[in-house]
Amino acid sequence: MVDSLHVRRAVVTQRETRTESKALAVNLDPKRYGTFAEIGAGQEVVRWFFQVGGAAGTIAKSISAYDMAVSDAIYGRADRYVSRERLESMIAYEHSLTLERLREDRGSKTAFFTFADTVAARSYKNDRESHGWMGVRFQAHPRDEDSSILLHLRMLDSENALQQEALGIVGVNLIYAACFLHHDADQIVESFLDSLSTDRIEIDVIEFSGIEFRHVDNRAMSLRLVQLGLSGAAMFSDQGKVLQPSEVLYRRPVLVERGSFRPVTHVNIDMLECAREKFVEEPAVAGKDVHVLVELTMRNLRATGEVDLQDFLERAEVLAACGLTVLVSDYFEYYRLGAFLSRHTRGEKIGIVMGAGSLKELFNEQFYTDLDGGILESFGRLFKHDLSLYVYPLRPTPDAPMETVQSLEVSEHLVKLYGYLVDRGCITQLDNFREEYLQILSRDVLARIRGGDPSWEKMVPDGVAETIRKNHFFGHPRLRSA
């Protein structure tokens, strides 16, 4: 026990030393000078800079407007105090004030910054979700244009003190990265794990903007979060804007289609449209604003080895051409996807649309060997939420029989389980499909694109065809100049 205690103390000391060294490096840089504005969980970030020494050379002001009336008086009213809206108003107000007061006297030799966070940590009054928004706006060099990094994080520790500690460490990592790592966005994302682990924090939104990050694609950075395990999933809009799942999905029914989308075909779109027609007829969905998602899993993106970033961005672009919101997740098992969606929709109806081939894989017991209860436990977890599967038929060739929910063959000992789920309405056959699309296969379309066979263009939506041709995606051949 004594040895164990010494090990824990050594780990804490090592963590504090690394964080202190980062805070001290910022304090000792004569160019860096700025404001800290923190709401919730104490002034955990600025505390590091005060305690390591040299803070007078870094901190222009530290403010913590805890009282809502005070916060509103300074930053304006907000619907929610732990929100992106509140964070952005804090940063904008404090940064402009810093520049107004100090730029004339020291702007030629000072790179100003403003750090802000607004956080709901665990408290004695409730055990609400512990999360927050954090960001920094900064000049990389004196008189430079501003750049910004914003992020949303969840604090996973069970104790308030540990959550505050994690918040402080992330904040120091963020400010240090803005000061010294702004040339490399990948390195910035990786640095968030310094002195921490993915058991303690989750970052599900990160957004880079401004002059230093003009070449950064935030969709790629979202993917990086999932790759590093900083988040189980990340979401972005058809405009490439990074979205916070808990804000987008809150109290909304959601319909999701998983696929490779390499590229998007008429089948993918028909699957969504057919499932949506059935989904909105559900009593729990009628009259509500349904959010439609398409999902790419990390397992799919790694199917040929390491993640190919260009391939990922090409898929994202063709999905954007269809006006679709994209979810990138590390939830290969459907029950994990269901749990993620249910947590954010707060119990609203969930629909997952899949092909008959995917439904057959869902009943493959080899995917559930890590669960004590095997396939029974997986289905128990999946359908404990208000969730339904909508199945699109499969007929790869005109002569092949059509595979449907009714014709699907499962292992003999799973027949009664399968029948029970179908009878209960957990699995629904889509009968409103367009039969002329059934022979369109993504791998066939991809081969035709690469082979220069123009027939592929009839197999995908017009916007997708134009995007592929214009950008020569998926190996589309370029015309050789004479």
Protein backbone atom coordinates (compact mmCIF):
# COMPACT_ATOMS: atom_id res chain seq x y z
CA MET A 1 0.00 0.00 0.00
CA VAL A 2 2.88 2.34 0.84
CA ASP A 3 4.50 1.63 -2.52
CA SER A 4 1.19 2.28 -4.28
CA LEU A 5 0.85 5.61 -2.48
CA HIS A 6 4.37 6.59 -3.56
CA VAL A 7 3.57 5.72 -7.18
CA ARG A 8 0.43 7.87 -7.13
CA ARG A 9 2.33 10.78 -5.61
CA ALA A 10 5.07 10.42 -8.22
CA VAL A 11 2.50 10.52 -11.04
CA VAL A 12 0.86 13.62 -9.59
CA THR A 13 4.25 15.31 -9.15
CA GLN A 14 5.26 14.50 -12.71
CA ARG A 15 1.95 15.84 -14.04
CA GLU A 16 2.28 19.05 -12.06
CA THR A 17 5.90 19.52 -13.16
CA ARG A 18 5.03 19.27 -16.86
CA THR A 19 2.10 21.66 -16.52
CA GLU A 20 4.15 24.09 -14.44
CA SER A 21 6.92 24.10 -17.03
CA LYS A 22 4.44 25.04 -19.75
CA ALA A 23 2.91 27.84 -17.69
CA LEU A 24 6.38 29.13 -16.80
CA ALA A 25 7.48 29.08 -20.46
CA VAL A 26 4.55 31.37 -21.31
CA ASN A 27 5.29 33.64 -18.36
CA LEU A 28 8.95 33.97 -19.37
CA ASP A 29 8.16 34.85 -22.98
CA PRO A 30 8.32 38.68 -23.01
CA LYS A 31 5.98 38.89 -26.03
CA ARG A 32 2.97 37.20 -24.40
CA TYR A 33 0.48 39.33 -22.51
CA GLY A 34 -3.23 38.87 -22.06
CA THR A 35 -6.48 38.40 -20.17
CA PHE A 36 -8.01 35.39 -18.44
CA ALA A 37 -11.81 35.21 -18.05
CA GLU A 38 -13.18 32.11 -16.33
CA ILE A 39 -16.71 31.21 -15.25
CA GLY A 40 -17.36 28.02 -13.25
CA ALA A 41 -15.02 25.51 -11.57
CA GLY A 42 -12.82 28.24 -10.07
CA GLN A 43 -10.03 30.10 -11.81
CA GLU A 44 -8.20 26.87 -12.41
CA VAL A 45 -6.29 27.92 -15.51
CA VAL A 46 -4.95 31.29 -14.43
CA ARG A 47 -3.97 29.75 -11.08
CA TRP A 48 -1.16 27.81 -12.76
CA PHE A 49 0.32 31.00 -14.19
CA PHE A 50 0.14 32.78 -10.84
CA GLN A 51 1.77 29.97 -8.89
CA VAL A 52 4.79 29.29 -11.12
CA GLY A 53 6.11 32.85 -10.90
CA GLY A 54 6.63 35.60 -13.43
CA ALA A 55 2.88 36.11 -13.88
CA ALA A 56 3.20 39.89 -13.89
CA GLY A 57 4.79 39.64 -17.29
CA THR A 58 1.90 37.61 -18.73
CA ILE A 59 -1.38 38.48 -17.02
CA ALA A 60 -2.97 41.81 -17.86
CA LYS A 61 -6.19 40.91 -16.06
CA SER A 62 -7.96 37.97 -14.49
CA ILE A 63 -11.75 38.04 -14.11
CA SER A 64 -14.37 35.56 -12.96
CA ALA A 65 -17.93 36.82 -13.40
CA TYR A 66 -19.76 34.02 -11.55
CA ASP A 67 -22.97 35.87 -10.80
CA MET A 68 -25.38 35.68 -13.76
CA ALA A 69 -26.45 39.31 -13.42
CA VAL A 70 -22.82 40.41 -13.40
CA SER A 71 -22.01 38.15 -16.35
CA ASP A 72 -24.97 39.51 -18.32
CA ALA A 73 -23.98 43.09 -17.52
CA ILE A 74 -20.50 42.52 -18.93
CA TYR A 75 -21.07 40.13 -21.83
CA GLY A 76 -24.77 40.51 -22.65
CA ARG A 77 -27.61 38.07 -22.01
CA ALA A 78 -27.34 34.46 -23.11
CA ASP A 79 -29.86 31.64 -23.23
CA ARG A 80 -27.29 29.35 -21.64
CA TYR A 81 -24.22 30.26 -19.64
CA VAL A 82 -22.23 27.17 -20.57
CA SER A 83 -22.40 27.54 -24.32
CA ARG A 84 -20.40 28.52 -27.35
CA GLU A 85 -22.41 31.73 -27.56
CA ARG A 86 -21.31 32.78 -24.07
CA LEU A 87 -17.69 31.79 -24.69
CA GLU A 88 -17.48 33.80 -27.91
CA SER A 89 -19.01 36.88 -26.29
CA MET A 90 -16.49 36.62 -23.42
CA ILE A 91 -13.52 36.33 -25.77
CA ALA A 92 -14.71 39.10 -28.09
CA TYR A 93 -15.37 41.55 -25.26
CA GLU A 94 -12.20 40.90 -23.29
CA HIS A 95 -9.90 40.79 -26.31
CA SER A 96 -11.19 44.04 -27.78
CA LEU A 97 -10.85 45.67 -24.35
CA THR A 98 -7.27 44.48 -23.99
CA LEU A 99 -6.33 45.81 -27.42
CA GLU A 100 -8.13 49.10 -26.82
CA ARG A 101 -6.28 49.71 -23.57
CA LEU A 102 -2.82 48.36 -24.37
CA ARG A 103 -2.15 48.27 -28.11
CA GLU A 104 -0.99 51.87 -28.42
CA ASP A 105 1.56 51.65 -25.61
CA ARG A 106 2.98 48.17 -26.18
CA GLY A 107 1.49 46.81 -29.41
CA SER A 108 4.80 46.93 -31.30
CA LYS A 109 6.47 44.48 -28.92
CA THR A 110 3.55 42.46 -27.53
CA ALA A 111 1.52 39.58 -28.95
CA PHE A 112 -1.78 39.85 -27.06
CA PHE A 113 -4.05 36.95 -26.17
CA THR A 114 -7.35 36.36 -24.41
CA PHE A 115 -8.23 33.05 -22.78
CA ALA A 116 -11.78 32.25 -21.62
CA ASP A 117 -13.77 29.32 -20.35
CA THR A 118 -17.31 28.78 -19.14
CA VAL A 119 -17.80 25.50 -17.31
CA ALA A 120 -20.34 23.44 -15.39
CA ALA A 121 -18.34 21.17 -13.09
CA ARG A 122 -19.66 18.68 -10.56
CA SER A 123 -21.08 20.43 -7.51
CA TYR A 124 -22.75 19.65 -4.20
CA LYS A 125 -26.15 20.71 -5.57
CA ASN A 126 -26.38 18.37 -8.55
CA ASP A 127 -24.61 15.73 -10.59
CA ARG A 128 -25.35 17.26 -14.01
CA GLU A 129 -23.07 16.59 -16.95
CA SER A 130 -19.69 18.17 -16.31
CA HIS A 131 -18.70 20.03 -19.43
CA GLY A 132 -17.53 23.37 -20.69
CA TRP A 133 -16.40 25.60 -23.53
CA MET A 134 -12.84 26.91 -23.66
CA GLY A 135 -10.99 29.08 -26.13
CA VAL A 136 -8.11 31.41 -26.83
CA ARG A 137 -7.80 34.30 -29.29
CA PHE A 138 -4.22 35.35 -29.89
CA GLN A 139 -1.66 37.11 -32.01
CA ALA A 140 1.19 34.82 -33.02
CA HIS A 141 3.43 37.89 -33.40
CA PRO A 142 3.12 41.55 -32.37
CA ARG A 143 0.65 43.50 -34.55
CA ASP A 144 -0.41 40.24 -36.22
CA GLU A 145 -3.98 39.42 -37.18
CA ASP A 146 -5.90 37.33 -34.63
CA SER A 147 -6.18 33.56 -34.66
CA SER A 148 -8.46 31.45 -32.46
CA ILE A 149 -8.87 27.94 -31.09
CA LEU A 150 -12.21 26.93 -29.54
CA LEU A 151 -13.08 23.61 -27.98
CA HIS A 152 -15.84 21.86 -26.06
CA LEU A 153 -14.85 19.34 -23.43
CA ARG A 154 -16.42 16.92 -20.99
CA MET A 155 -14.73 16.29 -17.66
CA LEU A 156 -15.02 12.62 -16.78
CA ASP A 157 -13.60 12.52 -13.24
CA SER A 158 -16.13 11.72 -10.53
CA GLU A 159 -14.84 14.30 -8.04
CA ASN A 160 -15.06 18.08 -8.30
CA ALA A 161 -11.43 18.65 -7.32
CA LEU A 162 -10.19 16.28 -10.01
CA GLN A 163 -12.41 17.92 -12.62
CA GLN A 164 -11.01 21.32 -11.69
CA GLU A 165 -7.48 19.96 -11.96
CA ALA A 166 -8.16 18.50 -15.42
CA LEU A 167 -9.72 21.77 -16.55
CA GLY A 168 -6.66 23.71 -15.43
CA ILE A 169 -4.28 21.36 -17.24
CA VAL A 170 -6.24 21.52 -20.50
CA GLY A 171 -6.28 25.32 -20.27
CA VAL A 172 -2.51 25.51 -19.79
CA ASN A 173 -2.02 23.09 -22.69
CA LEU A 174 -4.25 25.25 -24.88
CA ILE A 175 -2.47 28.53 -24.08
CA TYR A 176 0.96 26.97 -24.48
CA ALA A 177 -0.09 25.51 -27.85
CA ALA A 178 -1.37 28.89 -29.04
CA CYS A 179 1.93 30.52 -28.08
CA PHE A 180 4.41 27.91 -29.29
CA LEU A 181 2.70 25.31 -31.49
CA HIS A 182 0.50 27.48 -33.72
CA HIS A 183 2.48 26.37 -36.79
CA ASP A 184 1.19 22.77 -36.46
CA ALA A 185 -2.51 22.11 -35.79
CA ASP A 186 -1.94 18.34 -35.49
CA GLN A 187 0.61 18.91 -32.74
CA ILE A 188 -1.82 21.24 -30.96
CA VAL A 189 -4.49 18.54 -30.83
CA GLU A 190 -2.02 15.94 -29.59
CA SER A 191 -0.79 18.33 -26.89
CA PHE A 192 -4.16 18.32 -25.13
CA LEU A 193 -3.26 14.90 -23.72
CA ASP A 194 -0.12 16.19 -22.02
CA SER A 195 -0.40 15.33 -18.29
CA LEU A 196 -3.89 13.87 -18.87
CA SER A 197 -5.56 10.79 -20.31
CA THR A 198 -8.71 10.06 -22.28
CA ASP A 199 -10.19 8.63 -19.06
CA ARG A 200 -10.29 12.15 -17.64
CA ILE A 201 -11.37 14.38 -20.51
CA GLU A 202 -13.25 14.18 -23.75
CA ILE A 203 -13.03 16.87 -26.43
CA ASP A 204 -15.81 16.55 -28.99
CA VAL A 205 -15.46 19.95 -30.70
CA ILE A 206 -12.37 21.78 -31.85
CA GLU A 207 -12.32 24.69 -34.24
CA PHE A 208 -9.36 26.60 -35.63
CA SER A 209 -9.76 29.99 -37.30
CA GLY A 210 -7.76 33.07 -38.23
CA ILE A 211 -4.54 33.89 -40.04
CA GLU A 212 -2.38 31.14 -38.50
CA PHE A 213 -4.90 28.43 -39.37
CA ARG A 214 -6.05 29.59 -42.79
CA HIS A 215 -5.02 26.25 -44.32
CA VAL A 216 -6.49 24.07 -41.56
CA ASP A 217 -9.54 21.96 -42.40
CA ASN A 218 -11.59 21.60 -39.21
CA ARG A 219 -13.12 18.37 -40.48
CA ALA A 220 -9.66 16.82 -40.51
CA MET A 221 -9.10 18.09 -36.97
CA SER A 222 -12.40 16.52 -35.89
CA LEU A 223 -11.20 13.23 -37.30
CA ARG A 224 -7.96 13.66 -35.37
CA LEU A 225 -9.86 13.95 -32.09
CA VAL A 226 -11.48 10.57 -32.73
CA GLN A 227 -8.22 9.00 -33.89
CA LEU A 228 -6.49 10.03 -30.66
CA GLY A 229 -9.37 8.82 -28.50
CA LEU A 230 -10.07 12.35 -27.25
CA SER A 231 -13.63 11.83 -28.40
CA GLY A 232 -15.73 8.83 -29.39
CA ALA A 233 -17.37 10.86 -32.14
CA ALA A 234 -17.20 14.21 -33.91
CA MET A 235 -19.76 15.94 -36.09
CA PHE A 236 -19.68 18.56 -38.82
CA SER A 237 -22.20 20.19 -41.14
CA ASP A 238 -22.38 20.19 -44.92
CA GLN A 239 -20.65 23.59 -44.73
CA GLY A 240 -17.71 22.05 -42.88
CA LYS A 241 -18.64 23.70 -39.58
CA VAL A 242 -17.82 21.64 -36.52
CA LEU A 243 -20.94 20.86 -34.47
CA GLN A 244 -21.44 19.92 -30.84
CA PRO A 245 -23.56 16.73 -30.80
CA SER A 246 -25.33 17.57 -27.54
CA GLU A 247 -26.51 20.91 -28.97
CA VAL A 248 -27.52 19.62 -32.41
CA LEU A 249 -29.30 16.47 -31.23
CA TYR A 250 -30.83 17.71 -27.98
CA ARG A 251 -34.47 16.60 -27.72
CA ARG A 252 -34.61 15.73 -31.43
CA PRO A 253 -35.41 12.39 -33.04
CA VAL A 254 -32.46 11.27 -35.15
CA LEU A 255 -32.14 9.07 -38.22
CA VAL A 256 -28.68 7.81 -39.16
CA GLU A 257 -27.22 5.81 -42.01
CA ARG A 258 -23.83 4.15 -41.69
CA GLY A 259 -21.77 3.57 -44.80
CA SER A 260 -18.48 3.95 -46.65
CA PHE A 261 -19.88 6.63 -49.01
CA ARG A 262 -16.99 6.02 -51.36
CA PRO A 263 -18.71 7.60 -53.18
CA VAL A 264 -22.30 8.50 -52.28
CA THR A 265 -24.68 6.76 -54.69
CA HIS A 266 -28.39 6.90 -55.49
CA VAL A 267 -28.79 3.90 -53.18
CA ASN A 268 -27.43 5.80 -50.17
CA ILE A 269 -29.83 8.68 -50.74
CA ASP A 270 -32.79 6.40 -51.45
CA MET A 271 -32.11 4.50 -48.21
CA LEU A 272 -32.32 7.72 -46.23
CA GLU A 273 -35.40 9.01 -48.00
CA CYS A 274 -37.27 5.72 -47.68
CA ALA A 275 -36.39 5.38 -44.00
CA ARG A 276 -37.34 8.99 -43.30
CA GLU A 277 -40.82 8.43 -44.80
CA LYS A 278 -41.37 5.55 -42.37
CA PHE A 279 -39.63 7.23 -39.44
CA VAL A 280 -41.77 10.37 -39.39
CA GLU A 281 -44.90 8.18 -39.27
CA GLU A 282 -43.85 6.80 -35.88
CA PRO A 283 -46.10 8.19 -33.11
CA ALA A 284 -43.05 9.25 -31.09
CA VAL A 285 -41.70 11.23 -34.07
CA ALA A 286 -44.79 12.73 -35.71
CA GLY A 287 -44.60 16.51 -35.90
CA LYS A 288 -41.05 16.71 -34.54
CA ASP A 289 -37.92 18.10 -36.18
CA VAL A 290 -35.93 15.04 -37.28
CA HIS A 291 -32.17 15.35 -37.65
CA VAL A 292 -30.69 13.17 -40.39
CA LEU A 293 -27.06 12.03 -40.13
CA VAL A 294 -24.66 9.89 -42.09
CA GLU A 295 -21.95 8.10 -40.16
CA LEU A 296 -18.41 7.07 -41.04
CA THR A 297 -16.75 4.70 -38.58
CA MET A 298 -13.05 4.67 -37.82
CA ARG A 299 -13.02 0.96 -38.67
CA ASN A 300 -14.28 1.76 -42.15
CA LEU A 301 -11.77 4.59 -42.59
CA ARG A 302 -8.98 2.21 -41.53
CA ALA A 303 -10.22 -0.61 -43.77
CA THR A 304 -7.11 -0.47 -45.98
CA GLY A 305 -4.64 0.30 -43.18
CA GLU A 306 -3.98 3.75 -41.77
CA VAL A 307 -6.55 6.50 -42.27
CA ASP A 308 -6.05 8.24 -45.61
CA LEU A 309 -6.82 11.89 -44.84
CA GLN A 310 -7.37 12.85 -48.47
CA ASP A 311 -9.77 9.94 -48.95
CA PHE A 312 -11.67 11.03 -45.84
CA LEU A 313 -11.96 14.62 -47.07
CA GLU A 314 -13.16 13.42 -50.47
CA ARG A 315 -15.94 11.45 -48.81
CA ALA A 316 -16.79 14.48 -46.69
CA GLU A 317 -17.01 16.68 -49.79
CA VAL A 318 -19.40 14.39 -51.67
CA LEU A 319 -21.58 14.08 -48.56
CA ALA A 320 -21.56 17.88 -48.31
CA ALA A 321 -22.73 18.02 -51.93
CA CYS A 322 -25.82 16.13 -50.74
CA GLY A 323 -26.39 18.61 -47.88
CA LEU A 324 -25.77 15.97 -45.21
CA THR A 325 -24.45 16.27 -41.66
CA VAL A 326 -21.57 13.86 -41.03
CA LEU A 327 -20.80 11.94 -37.86
CA VAL A 328 -17.34 10.35 -37.55
CA SER A 329 -17.36 7.78 -34.77
CA ASP A 330 -15.34 5.06 -33.12
CA TYR A 331 -18.56 3.17 -32.32
CA PHE A 332 -18.32 0.15 -34.60
CA GLU A 333 -20.82 -1.79 -32.49
CA TYR A 334 -24.34 -0.53 -33.14
CA TYR A 335 -25.25 -0.70 -29.46
CA ARG A 336 -22.48 1.80 -28.72
CA LEU A 337 -23.76 4.10 -31.46
CA GLY A 338 -27.25 3.79 -30.01
CA ALA A 339 -26.01 4.71 -26.53
CA PHE A 340 -24.16 7.75 -27.88
CA LEU A 341 -27.22 9.02 -29.76
CA SER A 342 -29.57 8.36 -26.85
CA ARG A 343 -27.36 10.32 -24.46
CA HIS A 344 -27.56 13.39 -26.69
CA THR A 345 -31.19 13.13 -27.81
CA ARG A 346 -32.27 12.61 -24.19
CA GLY A 347 -34.55 9.68 -24.94
CA GLU A 348 -36.00 10.77 -28.30
CA LYS A 349 -36.67 8.17 -30.99
CA ILE A 350 -33.66 6.85 -32.90
CA GLY A 351 -33.74 5.26 -36.33
CA ILE A 352 -30.86 3.43 -37.97
CA VAL A 353 -31.13 2.58 -41.65
CA MET A 354 -29.03 -0.28 -43.04
CA GLY A 355 -28.92 -2.70 -45.94
CA ALA A 356 -29.96 -6.32 -45.64
CA GLY A 357 -26.30 -7.32 -45.79
CA SER A 358 -25.51 -5.20 -42.73
CA LEU A 359 -28.49 -6.69 -40.88
CA LYS A 360 -27.07 -10.15 -41.53
CA GLU A 361 -23.72 -9.04 -40.08
CA LEU A 362 -25.56 -7.69 -37.03
CA PHE A 363 -26.49 -11.30 -36.19
CA ASN A 364 -22.91 -12.55 -36.51
CA GLU A 365 -21.94 -13.64 -33.02
CA GLN A 366 -18.20 -13.18 -33.58
CA PHE A 367 -18.65 -9.42 -33.11
CA TYR A 368 -19.83 -9.85 -29.50
CA THR A 369 -17.22 -12.13 -27.96
CA ASP A 370 -16.03 -9.29 -25.69
CA LEU A 371 -19.45 -9.10 -24.01
CA ASP A 372 -20.21 -11.48 -21.16
CA GLY A 373 -23.75 -11.86 -22.45
CA GLY A 374 -22.71 -12.16 -26.09
CA ILE A 375 -25.24 -11.31 -28.76
CA LEU A 376 -28.12 -11.22 -26.26
CA GLU A 377 -26.38 -8.51 -24.27
CA SER A 378 -25.64 -6.52 -27.45
CA PHE A 379 -29.30 -6.50 -28.50
CA GLY A 380 -30.39 -5.72 -24.96
CA ARG A 381 -28.14 -2.66 -25.00
CA LEU A 382 -29.19 -1.66 -28.50
CA PHE A 383 -32.95 -1.84 -28.07
CA LYS A 384 -33.16 -0.59 -24.50
CA HIS A 385 -33.28 2.83 -26.14
CA ASP A 386 -36.29 3.82 -28.24
CA LEU A 387 -34.54 2.59 -31.37
CA SER A 388 -35.66 0.97 -34.61
CA LEU A 389 -33.78 -0.54 -37.54
CA TYR A 390 -35.00 0.20 -41.07
CA VAL A 391 -33.73 -2.33 -43.59
CA TYR A 392 -33.20 -1.64 -47.29
CA PRO A 393 -33.37 -4.73 -49.54
CA LEU A 394 -30.37 -6.21 -51.35
CA ARG A 395 -30.27 -7.55 -54.91
CA PRO A 396 -26.72 -7.24 -56.30
CA THR A 397 -27.66 -8.63 -59.75
CA PRO A 398 -30.97 -8.68 -61.67
CA ASP A 399 -31.04 -12.49 -61.49
CA ALA A 400 -30.34 -12.72 -57.76
CA PRO A 401 -33.18 -13.19 -55.27
CA MET A 402 -34.04 -10.11 -53.25
CA GLU A 403 -32.79 -10.25 -49.67
CA THR A 404 -35.20 -8.72 -47.19
CA VAL A 405 -36.07 -8.89 -43.52
CA GLN A 406 -38.46 -11.74 -44.32
CA SER A 407 -35.95 -13.80 -46.33
CA LEU A 408 -32.89 -13.22 -44.19
CA GLU A 409 -31.34 -16.41 -42.85
CA VAL A 410 -29.75 -16.39 -39.40
CA SER A 411 -28.21 -19.16 -37.30
CA GLU A 412 -30.80 -21.73 -36.23
CA HIS A 413 -30.46 -20.93 -32.52
CA LEU A 414 -31.08 -17.21 -33.26
CA VAL A 415 -34.24 -17.68 -35.34
CA LYS A 416 -36.62 -17.12 -32.42
CA LEU A 417 -34.69 -14.05 -31.23
CA TYR A 418 -34.77 -12.63 -34.76
CA GLY A 419 -38.49 -13.33 -35.10
CA TYR A 420 -39.18 -11.69 -31.75
CA LEU A 421 -37.38 -8.49 -32.75
CA VAL A 422 -39.20 -8.36 -36.08
CA ASP A 423 -42.60 -9.02 -34.50
CA ARG A 424 -41.97 -6.36 -31.88
CA GLY A 425 -41.25 -3.75 -34.59
CA CYS A 426 -37.58 -3.30 -33.72
CA ILE A 427 -36.66 -4.31 -37.29
CA THR A 428 -38.72 -2.93 -40.17
CA GLN A 429 -38.48 -3.78 -43.86
CA LEU A 430 -38.49 -0.77 -46.21
CA ASP A 431 -40.95 -1.41 -49.01
CA ASN A 432 -40.94 2.07 -50.59
CA PHE A 433 -37.57 1.72 -52.34
CA ARG A 434 -36.73 2.34 -56.00
CA GLU A 435 -35.99 -1.02 -57.52
CA GLU A 436 -33.88 0.42 -60.35
CA TYR A 437 -31.26 1.44 -57.78
CA LEU A 438 -30.75 -2.00 -56.24
CA GLN A 439 -27.89 -3.02 -58.55
CA ILE A 440 -25.83 0.10 -57.79
CA LEU A 441 -22.84 -0.87 -55.66
CA SER A 442 -20.29 1.65 -54.37
CA ARG A 443 -17.32 -0.57 -55.20
CA ASP A 444 -18.56 -0.88 -58.79
CA VAL A 445 -19.03 2.89 -59.05
CA LEU A 446 -15.52 3.44 -57.68
CA ALA A 447 -14.01 1.05 -60.23
CA ARG A 448 -15.80 2.83 -63.07
CA ILE A 449 -14.59 6.24 -61.86
CA ARG A 450 -10.98 5.05 -61.79
CA GLY A 451 -11.33 3.28 -65.11
CA GLY A 452 -12.66 6.35 -66.90
CA ASP A 453 -16.03 4.71 -67.62
CA PRO A 454 -18.52 7.63 -67.70
CA SER A 455 -21.50 5.35 -66.88
CA TRP A 456 -20.77 5.95 -63.18
CA GLU A 457 -22.25 9.44 -63.44
CA LYS A 458 -25.78 7.99 -63.73
CA MET A 459 -25.28 6.05 -60.50
CA VAL A 460 -24.74 9.07 -58.24
CA PRO A 461 -26.66 12.32 -57.54
CA ASP A 462 -25.86 15.18 -59.93
CA GLY A 463 -24.10 17.26 -57.28
CA VAL A 464 -21.88 14.32 -56.37
CA ALA A 465 -20.95 13.69 -60.01
CA GLU A 466 -20.02 17.34 -60.48
CA THR A 467 -17.91 17.39 -57.31
CA ILE A 468 -16.01 14.25 -58.34
CA ARG A 469 -15.39 15.48 -61.89
CA LYS A 470 -14.35 18.98 -60.83
CA ASN A 471 -11.92 17.84 -58.14
CA HIS A 472 -10.83 14.49 -59.63
CA PHE A 473 -11.83 12.64 -56.49
CA PHE A 474 -11.54 8.88 -55.97
CA GLY A 475 -8.94 8.49 -58.72
CA HIS A 476 -11.00 10.23 -61.38
CA PRO A 477 -8.55 10.63 -64.29
CA ARG A 478 -7.31 14.08 -65.23
CA LEU A 479 -7.30 15.13 -68.86
CA ARG A 480 -3.82 15.15 -70.29
CA SER A 481 -2.75 18.36 -71.97
CA ALA A 482 -1.78 18.14 -75.59
